[in-house]
Amino acid sequence: MPLPTLPTLRCVFDSCYTWLINFPIAFVLSRYTALPLPIVYLFVNGVDLLKCIIGFILVKKGVWVNNIVASSQDVPQAD
């Protein structure tokens, strides 16, 4: 069985983060607290800051970003 590709891992990171972090927080705050809906919304969106920090670290490591544009040295010149 081949290993998953990098775009697949990115998609899994995004969707798993939503289902494993954001959704449970929204559910617990809406069902088991008396917080008004705008406050729950702010908490859930505030948790996305953690996702931004993780994404920033991955970008700095070079894991998240791939160069898809060829440099001018790689492009054959027309004569």
PDB file of N, CA and C in Angstrom:
ATOM      1  N   MET A   1       0.848  -1.175   0.000  1.00  0.00           N
ATOM      2  CA  MET A   1       0.000   0.000   0.000  1.00  0.00           C
ATOM      3  C   MET A   1       0.895   1.240   0.000  1.00  0.00           C
ATOM      4  N   PRO A   2       0.718   2.142  -0.984  1.00  0.00           N
ATOM      5  CA  PRO A   2       1.579   3.323  -1.042  1.00  0.00           C
ATOM      6  C   PRO A   2       1.235   4.323   0.052  1.00  0.00           C
ATOM      7  N   LEU A   3       2.235   5.100   0.415  1.00  0.00           N
ATOM      8  CA  LEU A   3       2.033   6.148   1.415  1.00  0.00           C
ATOM      9  C   LEU A   3       1.193   7.271   0.823  1.00  0.00           C
ATOM     10  N   PRO A   4       0.394   7.949   1.639  1.00  0.00           N
ATOM     11  CA  PRO A   4      -0.413   9.064   1.118  1.00  0.00           C
ATOM     12  C   PRO A   4       0.476  10.208   0.652  1.00  0.00           C
ATOM     13  N   THR A   5       0.009  10.898  -0.373  1.00  0.00           N
ATOM     14  CA  THR A   5       0.764  12.022  -0.913  1.00  0.00           C
ATOM     15  C   THR A   5       0.594  13.247  -0.022  1.00  0.00           C
ATOM     16  N   LEU A   6       1.435  14.240  -0.242  1.00  0.00           N
ATOM     17  CA  LEU A   6       1.401  15.457   0.572  1.00  0.00           C
ATOM     18  C   LEU A   6       0.071  16.208   0.458  1.00  0.00           C
ATOM     19  N   PRO A   7      -0.513  16.375  -0.754  1.00  0.00           N
ATOM     20  CA  PRO A   7      -1.827  17.038  -0.805  1.00  0.00           C
ATOM     21  C   PRO A   7      -2.895  16.281  -0.022  1.00  0.00           C
ATOM     22  N   THR A   8      -2.807  14.960  -0.001  1.00  0.00           N
ATOM     23  CA  THR A   8      -3.762  14.171   0.774  1.00  0.00           C
ATOM     24  C   THR A   8      -3.593  14.442   2.262  1.00  0.00           C
ATOM     25  N   LEU A   9      -2.349  14.530   2.697  1.00  0.00           N
ATOM     26  CA  LEU A   9      -2.093  14.815   4.114  1.00  0.00           C
ATOM     27  C   LEU A   9      -2.598  16.200   4.503  1.00  0.00           C
ATOM     28  N   ARG A  10      -2.476  17.174   3.591  1.00  0.00           N
ATOM     29  CA  ARG A  10      -2.987  18.516   3.876  1.00  0.00           C
ATOM     30  C   ARG A  10      -4.501  18.498   4.034  1.00  0.00           C
ATOM     31  N   CYS A  11      -5.160  17.771   3.154  1.00  0.00           N
ATOM     32  CA  CYS A  11      -6.622  17.677   3.211  1.00  0.00           C
ATOM     33  C   CYS A  11      -7.052  16.994   4.501  1.00  0.00           C
ATOM     34  N   VAL A  12      -6.350  15.943   4.875  1.00  0.00           N
ATOM     35  CA  VAL A  12      -6.663  15.230   6.108  1.00  0.00           C
ATOM     36  C   VAL A  12      -6.454  16.149   7.310  1.00  0.00           C
ATOM     37  N   PHE A  13      -5.375  16.934   7.288  1.00  0.00           N
ATOM     38  CA  PHE A  13      -5.126  17.872   8.391  1.00  0.00           C
ATOM     39  C   PHE A  13      -6.281  18.854   8.523  1.00  0.00           C
ATOM     40  N   ASP A  14      -6.720  19.439   7.405  1.00  0.00           N
ATOM     41  CA  ASP A  14      -7.803  20.427   7.452  1.00  0.00           C
ATOM     42  C   ASP A  14      -9.109  19.805   7.914  1.00  0.00           C
ATOM     43  N   SER A  15      -9.491  18.688   7.326  1.00  0.00           N
ATOM     44  CA  SER A  15     -10.783  18.103   7.673  1.00  0.00           C
ATOM     45  C   SER A  15     -10.766  17.474   9.066  1.00  0.00           C
ATOM     46  N   CYS A  16      -9.667  16.821   9.430  1.00  0.00           N
ATOM     47  CA  CYS A  16      -9.599  16.220  10.766  1.00  0.00           C
ATOM     48  C   CYS A  16      -9.583  17.293  11.847  1.00  0.00           C
ATOM     49  N   TYR A  17      -8.912  18.390  11.596  1.00  0.00           N
ATOM     50  CA  TYR A  17      -8.894  19.462  12.580  1.00  0.00           C
ATOM     51  C   TYR A  17     -10.315  19.978  12.820  1.00  0.00           C
ATOM     52  N   THR A  18     -11.063  20.133  11.740  1.00  0.00           N
ATOM     53  CA  THR A  18     -12.433  20.630  11.873  1.00  0.00           C
ATOM     54  C   THR A  18     -13.290  19.654  12.664  1.00  0.00           C
ATOM     55  N   TRP A  19     -13.205  18.372  12.329  1.00  0.00           N
ATOM     56  CA  TRP A  19     -14.075  17.387  12.979  1.00  0.00           C
ATOM     57  C   TRP A  19     -13.615  17.013  14.380  1.00  0.00           C
ATOM     58  N   LEU A  20     -12.324  17.069  14.639  1.00  0.00           N
ATOM     59  CA  LEU A  20     -11.823  16.632  15.940  1.00  0.00           C
ATOM     60  C   LEU A  20     -11.626  17.771  16.936  1.00  0.00           C
ATOM     61  N   ILE A  21     -11.526  18.997  16.466  1.00  0.00           N
ATOM     62  CA  ILE A  21     -11.306  20.130  17.373  1.00  0.00           C
ATOM     63  C   ILE A  21     -12.502  21.087  17.360  1.00  0.00           C
ATOM     64  N   ASN A  22     -12.787  21.690  16.207  1.00  0.00           N
ATOM     65  CA  ASN A  22     -13.828  22.722  16.131  1.00  0.00           C
ATOM     66  C   ASN A  22     -15.217  22.184  16.449  1.00  0.00           C
ATOM     67  N   PHE A  23     -15.586  21.099  15.817  1.00  0.00           N
ATOM     68  CA  PHE A  23     -16.939  20.570  16.014  1.00  0.00           C
ATOM     69  C   PHE A  23     -17.218  20.173  17.461  1.00  0.00           C
ATOM     70  N   PRO A  24     -16.347  19.411  18.128  1.00  0.00           N
ATOM     71  CA  PRO A  24     -16.630  19.082  19.534  1.00  0.00           C
ATOM     72  C   PRO A  24     -16.693  20.304  20.447  1.00  0.00           C
ATOM     73  N   ILE A  25     -15.825  21.289  20.196  1.00  0.00           N
ATOM     74  CA  ILE A  25     -15.875  22.503  21.018  1.00  0.00           C
ATOM     75  C   ILE A  25     -17.203  23.220  20.827  1.00  0.00           C
ATOM     76  N   ALA A  26     -17.638  23.341  19.582  1.00  0.00           N
ATOM     77  CA  ALA A  26     -18.925  23.990  19.314  1.00  0.00           C
ATOM     78  C   ALA A  26     -20.067  23.217  19.954  1.00  0.00           C
ATOM     79  N   PHE A  27     -20.029  21.905  19.873  1.00  0.00           N
ATOM     80  CA  PHE A  27     -21.090  21.080  20.447  1.00  0.00           C
ATOM     81  C   PHE A  27     -21.144  21.227  21.961  1.00  0.00           C
ATOM     82  N   VAL A  28     -19.996  21.103  22.607  1.00  0.00           N
ATOM     83  CA  VAL A  28     -19.959  21.175  24.072  1.00  0.00           C
ATOM     84  C   VAL A  28     -20.382  22.563  24.556  1.00  0.00           C
ATOM     85  N   LEU A  29     -19.865  23.598  23.920  1.00  0.00           N
ATOM     86  CA  LEU A  29     -20.221  24.953  24.355  1.00  0.00           C
ATOM     87  C   LEU A  29     -21.689  25.269  24.117  1.00  0.00           C
ATOM     88  N   SER A  30     -22.257  24.752  23.040  1.00  0.00           N
ATOM     89  CA  SER A  30     -23.660  25.058  22.756  1.00  0.00           C
ATOM     90  C   SER A  30     -24.623  24.217  23.591  1.00  0.00           C
ATOM     91  N   ARG A  31     -24.253  22.997  23.936  1.00  0.00           N
ATOM     92  CA  ARG A  31     -25.159  22.106  24.675  1.00  0.00           C
ATOM     93  C   ARG A  31     -25.025  22.196  26.187  1.00  0.00           C
ATOM     94  N   TYR A  32     -23.804  22.376  26.663  1.00  0.00           N
ATOM     95  CA  TYR A  32     -23.568  22.233  28.095  1.00  0.00           C
ATOM     96  C   TYR A  32     -23.209  23.529  28.806  1.00  0.00           C
ATOM     97  N   THR A  33     -23.269  24.644  28.096  1.00  0.00           N
ATOM     98  CA  THR A  33     -23.057  25.936  28.747  1.00  0.00           C
ATOM     99  C   THR A  33     -24.217  26.859  28.381  1.00  0.00           C
ATOM    100  N   ALA A  34     -24.320  27.937  29.114  1.00  0.00           N
ATOM    101  CA  ALA A  34     -25.375  28.908  28.849  1.00  0.00           C
ATOM    102  C   ALA A  34     -24.838  30.095  28.055  1.00  0.00           C
ATOM    103  N   LEU A  35     -23.729  29.885  27.365  1.00  0.00           N
ATOM    104  CA  LEU A  35     -23.140  30.976  26.588  1.00  0.00           C
ATOM    105  C   LEU A  35     -24.030  31.329  25.399  1.00  0.00           C
ATOM    106  N   PRO A  36     -24.152  32.596  25.088  1.00  0.00           N
ATOM    107  CA  PRO A  36     -24.923  32.981  23.903  1.00  0.00           C
ATOM    108  C   PRO A  36     -24.181  32.553  22.630  1.00  0.00           C
ATOM    109  N   LEU A  37     -24.928  32.393  21.559  1.00  0.00           N
ATOM    110  CA  LEU A  37     -24.383  31.890  20.305  1.00  0.00           C
ATOM    111  C   LEU A  37     -23.220  32.726  19.760  1.00  0.00           C
ATOM    112  N   PRO A  38     -23.276  34.063  19.809  1.00  0.00           N
ATOM    113  CA  PRO A  38     -22.114  34.821  19.308  1.00  0.00           C
ATOM    114  C   PRO A  38     -20.820  34.522  20.073  1.00  0.00           C
ATOM    115  N   ILE A  39     -20.917  34.259  21.355  1.00  0.00           N
ATOM    116  CA  ILE A  39     -19.731  33.933  22.154  1.00  0.00           C
ATOM    117  C   ILE A  39     -19.202  32.550  21.766  1.00  0.00           C
ATOM    118  N   VAL A  40     -20.109  31.597  21.547  1.00  0.00           N
ATOM    119  CA  VAL A  40     -19.701  30.261  21.085  1.00  0.00           C
ATOM    120  C   VAL A  40     -18.995  30.387  19.738  1.00  0.00           C
ATOM    121  N   TYR A  41     -19.540  31.198  18.859  1.00  0.00           N
ATOM    122  CA  TYR A  41     -18.941  31.430  17.545  1.00  0.00           C
ATOM    123  C   TYR A  41     -17.530  31.993  17.686  1.00  0.00           C
ATOM    124  N   LEU A  42     -17.347  32.953  18.584  1.00  0.00           N
ATOM    125  CA  LEU A  42     -16.024  33.538  18.804  1.00  0.00           C
ATOM    126  C   LEU A  42     -15.037  32.510  19.350  1.00  0.00           C
ATOM    127  N   PHE A  43     -15.477  31.662  20.271  1.00  0.00           N
ATOM    128  CA  PHE A  43     -14.605  30.618  20.810  1.00  0.00           C
ATOM    129  C   PHE A  43     -14.173  29.645  19.716  1.00  0.00           C
ATOM    130  N   VAL A  44     -15.126  29.199  18.916  1.00  0.00           N
ATOM    131  CA  VAL A  44     -14.822  28.216  17.870  1.00  0.00           C
ATOM    132  C   VAL A  44     -13.876  28.817  16.833  1.00  0.00           C
ATOM    133  N   ASN A  45     -14.115  30.057  16.447  1.00  0.00           N
ATOM    134  CA  ASN A  45     -13.205  30.690  15.485  1.00  0.00           C
ATOM    135  C   ASN A  45     -11.868  31.042  16.131  1.00  0.00           C
ATOM    136  N   GLY A  46     -11.868  31.293  17.416  1.00  0.00           N
ATOM    137  CA  GLY A  46     -10.623  31.552  18.113  1.00  0.00           C
ATOM    138  C   GLY A  46      -9.712  30.337  18.164  1.00  0.00           C
ATOM    139  N   VAL A  47     -10.307  29.163  18.184  1.00  0.00           N
ATOM    140  CA  VAL A  47      -9.526  27.933  18.181  1.00  0.00           C
ATOM    141  C   VAL A  47      -8.801  27.761  16.844  1.00  0.00           C
ATOM    142  N   ASP A  48      -9.298  28.398  15.795  1.00  0.00           N
ATOM    143  CA  ASP A  48      -8.615  28.333  14.501  1.00  0.00           C
ATOM    144  C   ASP A  48      -7.260  29.026  14.544  1.00  0.00           C
ATOM    145  N   LEU A  49      -7.028  29.864  15.539  1.00  0.00           N
ATOM    146  CA  LEU A  49      -5.701  30.459  15.690  1.00  0.00           C
ATOM    147  C   LEU A  49      -4.653  29.374  15.929  1.00  0.00           C
ATOM    148  N   LEU A  50      -5.030  28.321  16.659  1.00  0.00           N
ATOM    149  CA  LEU A  50      -4.126  27.194  16.863  1.00  0.00           C
ATOM    150  C   LEU A  50      -3.778  26.544  15.525  1.00  0.00           C
ATOM    151  N   LYS A  51      -4.790  26.397  14.670  1.00  0.00           N
ATOM    152  CA  LYS A  51      -4.565  25.830  13.340  1.00  0.00           C
ATOM    153  C   LYS A  51      -3.641  26.738  12.526  1.00  0.00           C
ATOM    154  N   CYS A  52      -3.800  28.038  12.657  1.00  0.00           N
ATOM    155  CA  CYS A  52      -2.920  28.985  11.959  1.00  0.00           C
ATOM    156  C   CYS A  52      -1.479  28.860  12.448  1.00  0.00           C
ATOM    157  N   ILE A  53      -1.306  28.674  13.736  1.00  0.00           N
ATOM    158  CA  ILE A  53       0.042  28.521  14.292  1.00  0.00           C
ATOM    159  C   ILE A  53       0.683  27.240  13.772  1.00  0.00           C
ATOM    160  N   ILE A  54      -0.078  26.156  13.755  1.00  0.00           N
ATOM    161  CA  ILE A  54       0.441  24.895  13.229  1.00  0.00           C
ATOM    162  C   ILE A  54       0.783  25.043  11.750  1.00  0.00           C
ATOM    163  N   GLY A  55      -0.088  25.696  10.988  1.00  0.00           N
ATOM    164  CA  GLY A  55       0.169  25.919   9.567  1.00  0.00           C
ATOM    165  C   GLY A  55       1.399  26.783   9.350  1.00  0.00           C
ATOM    166  N   PHE A  56       1.581  27.803  10.175  1.00  0.00           N
ATOM    167  CA  PHE A  56       2.753  28.672  10.064  1.00  0.00           C
ATOM    168  C   PHE A  56       4.035  27.884  10.301  1.00  0.00           C
ATOM    169  N   ILE A  57       4.015  27.016  11.299  1.00  0.00           N
ATOM    170  CA  ILE A  57       5.187  26.186  11.583  1.00  0.00           C
ATOM    171  C   ILE A  57       5.477  25.261  10.402  1.00  0.00           C
ATOM    172  N   LEU A  58       4.442  24.670   9.822  1.00  0.00           N
ATOM    173  CA  LEU A  58       4.640  23.784   8.672  1.00  0.00           C
ATOM    174  C   LEU A  58       5.169  24.543   7.458  1.00  0.00           C
ATOM    175  N   VAL A  59       4.712  25.777   7.259  1.00  0.00           N
ATOM    176  CA  VAL A  59       5.215  26.588   6.145  1.00  0.00           C
ATOM    177  C   VAL A  59       6.694  26.920   6.372  1.00  0.00           C
ATOM    178  N   LYS A  60       7.043  27.306   7.587  1.00  0.00           N
ATOM    179  CA  LYS A  60       8.436  27.637   7.887  1.00  0.00           C
ATOM    180  C   LYS A  60       9.364  26.435   7.719  1.00  0.00           C
ATOM    181  N   LYS A  61       8.865  25.238   8.020  1.00  0.00           N
ATOM    182  CA  LYS A  61       9.661  24.026   7.849  1.00  0.00           C
ATOM    183  C   LYS A  61       9.765  23.615   6.385  1.00  0.00           C
ATOM    184  N   GLY A  62       8.906  24.167   5.533  1.00  0.00           N
ATOM    185  CA  GLY A  62       8.915  23.798   4.124  1.00  0.00           C
ATOM    186  C   GLY A  62       8.079  22.579   3.820  1.00  0.00           C
ATOM    187  N   VAL A  63       7.313  22.113   4.776  1.00  0.00           N
ATOM    188  CA  VAL A  63       6.478  20.932   4.578  1.00  0.00           C
ATOM    189  C   VAL A  63       5.203  21.287   3.823  1.00  0.00           C
ATOM    190  N   TRP A  64       4.656  22.455   4.097  1.00  0.00           N
ATOM    191  CA  TRP A  64       3.329  22.804   3.604  1.00  0.00           C
ATOM    192  C   TRP A  64       3.348  23.414   2.212  1.00  0.00           C
ATOM    193  N   VAL A  65       4.436  24.071   1.837  1.00  0.00           N
ATOM    194  CA  VAL A  65       4.481  24.817   0.586  1.00  0.00           C
ATOM    195  C   VAL A  65       5.395  24.099  -0.402  1.00  0.00           C
ATOM    196  N   ASN A  66       4.907  23.968  -1.633  1.00  0.00           N
ATOM    197  CA  ASN A  66       5.707  23.423  -2.714  1.00  0.00           C
ATOM    198  C   ASN A  66       5.786  24.462  -3.813  1.00  0.00           C
ATOM    199  N   ASN A  67       6.948  24.614  -4.413  1.00  0.00           N
ATOM    200  CA  ASN A  67       7.113  25.535  -5.527  1.00  0.00           C
ATOM    201  C   ASN A  67       6.588  24.856  -6.789  1.00  0.00           C
ATOM    202  N   ILE A  68       5.510  25.382  -7.355  1.00  0.00           N
ATOM    203  CA  ILE A  68       4.927  24.786  -8.558  1.00  0.00           C
ATOM    204  C   ILE A  68       5.253  25.598  -9.801  1.00  0.00           C
ATOM    205  N   VAL A  69       6.041  26.654  -9.665  1.00  0.00           N
ATOM    206  CA  VAL A  69       6.419  27.501 -10.767  1.00  0.00           C
ATOM    207  C   VAL A  69       7.881  27.235 -11.093  1.00  0.00           C
ATOM    208  N   ALA A  70       8.143  26.936 -12.348  1.00  0.00           N
ATOM    209  CA  ALA A  70       9.517  26.678 -12.761  1.00  0.00           C
ATOM    210  C   ALA A  70      10.298  27.983 -12.795  1.00  0.00           C
ATOM    211  N   SER A  71      11.567  27.909 -12.431  1.00  0.00           N
ATOM    212  CA  SER A  71      12.397  29.105 -12.509  1.00  0.00           C
ATOM    213  C   SER A  71      12.763  29.370 -13.965  1.00  0.00           C
ATOM    214  N   SER A  72      13.250  30.552 -14.268  1.00  0.00           N
ATOM    215  CA  SER A  72      13.567  30.902 -15.646  1.00  0.00           C
ATOM    216  C   SER A  72      14.715  30.053 -16.189  1.00  0.00           C
ATOM    217  N   GLN A  73      15.535  29.491 -15.333  1.00  0.00           N
ATOM    218  CA  GLN A  73      16.626  28.628 -15.772  1.00  0.00           C
ATOM    219  C   GLN A  73      16.121  27.272 -16.241  1.00  0.00           C
ATOM    220  N   ASP A  74      14.962  26.825 -15.715  1.00  0.00           N
ATOM    221  CA  ASP A  74      14.420  25.513 -16.069  1.00  0.00           C
ATOM    222  C   ASP A  74      13.607  25.544 -17.358  1.00  0.00           C
ATOM    223  N   VAL A  75      13.197  26.716 -17.801  1.00  0.00           N
ATOM    224  CA  VAL A  75      12.352  26.833 -18.982  1.00  0.00           C
ATOM    225  C   VAL A  75      13.233  26.911 -20.226  1.00  0.00           C
ATOM    226  N   PRO A  76      12.996  26.041 -21.228  1.00  0.00           N
ATOM    227  CA  PRO A  76      13.806  26.115 -22.456  1.00  0.00           C
ATOM    228  C   PRO A  76      13.510  27.402 -23.227  1.00  0.00           C
ATOM    229  N   GLN A  77      14.545  28.026 -23.728  1.00  0.00           N
ATOM    230  CA  GLN A  77      14.419  29.275 -24.459  1.00  0.00           C
ATOM    231  C   GLN A  77      14.141  28.999 -25.941  1.00  0.00           C
ATOM    232  N   ALA A  78      13.211  29.756 -26.528  1.00  0.00           N
ATOM    233  CA  ALA A  78      12.915  29.633 -27.953  1.00  0.00           C
ATOM    234  C   ALA A  78      13.965  30.398 -28.749  1.00  0.00           C
ATOM    235  N   ASP A  79      14.448  29.784 -29.835  1.00  0.00           N
ATOM    236  CA  ASP A  79      15.462  30.461 -30.666  1.00  0.00           C
ATOM    237  C   ASP A  79      14.852  31.178 -31.823  1.00  0.00           C
TER     238      ASP A  79
END
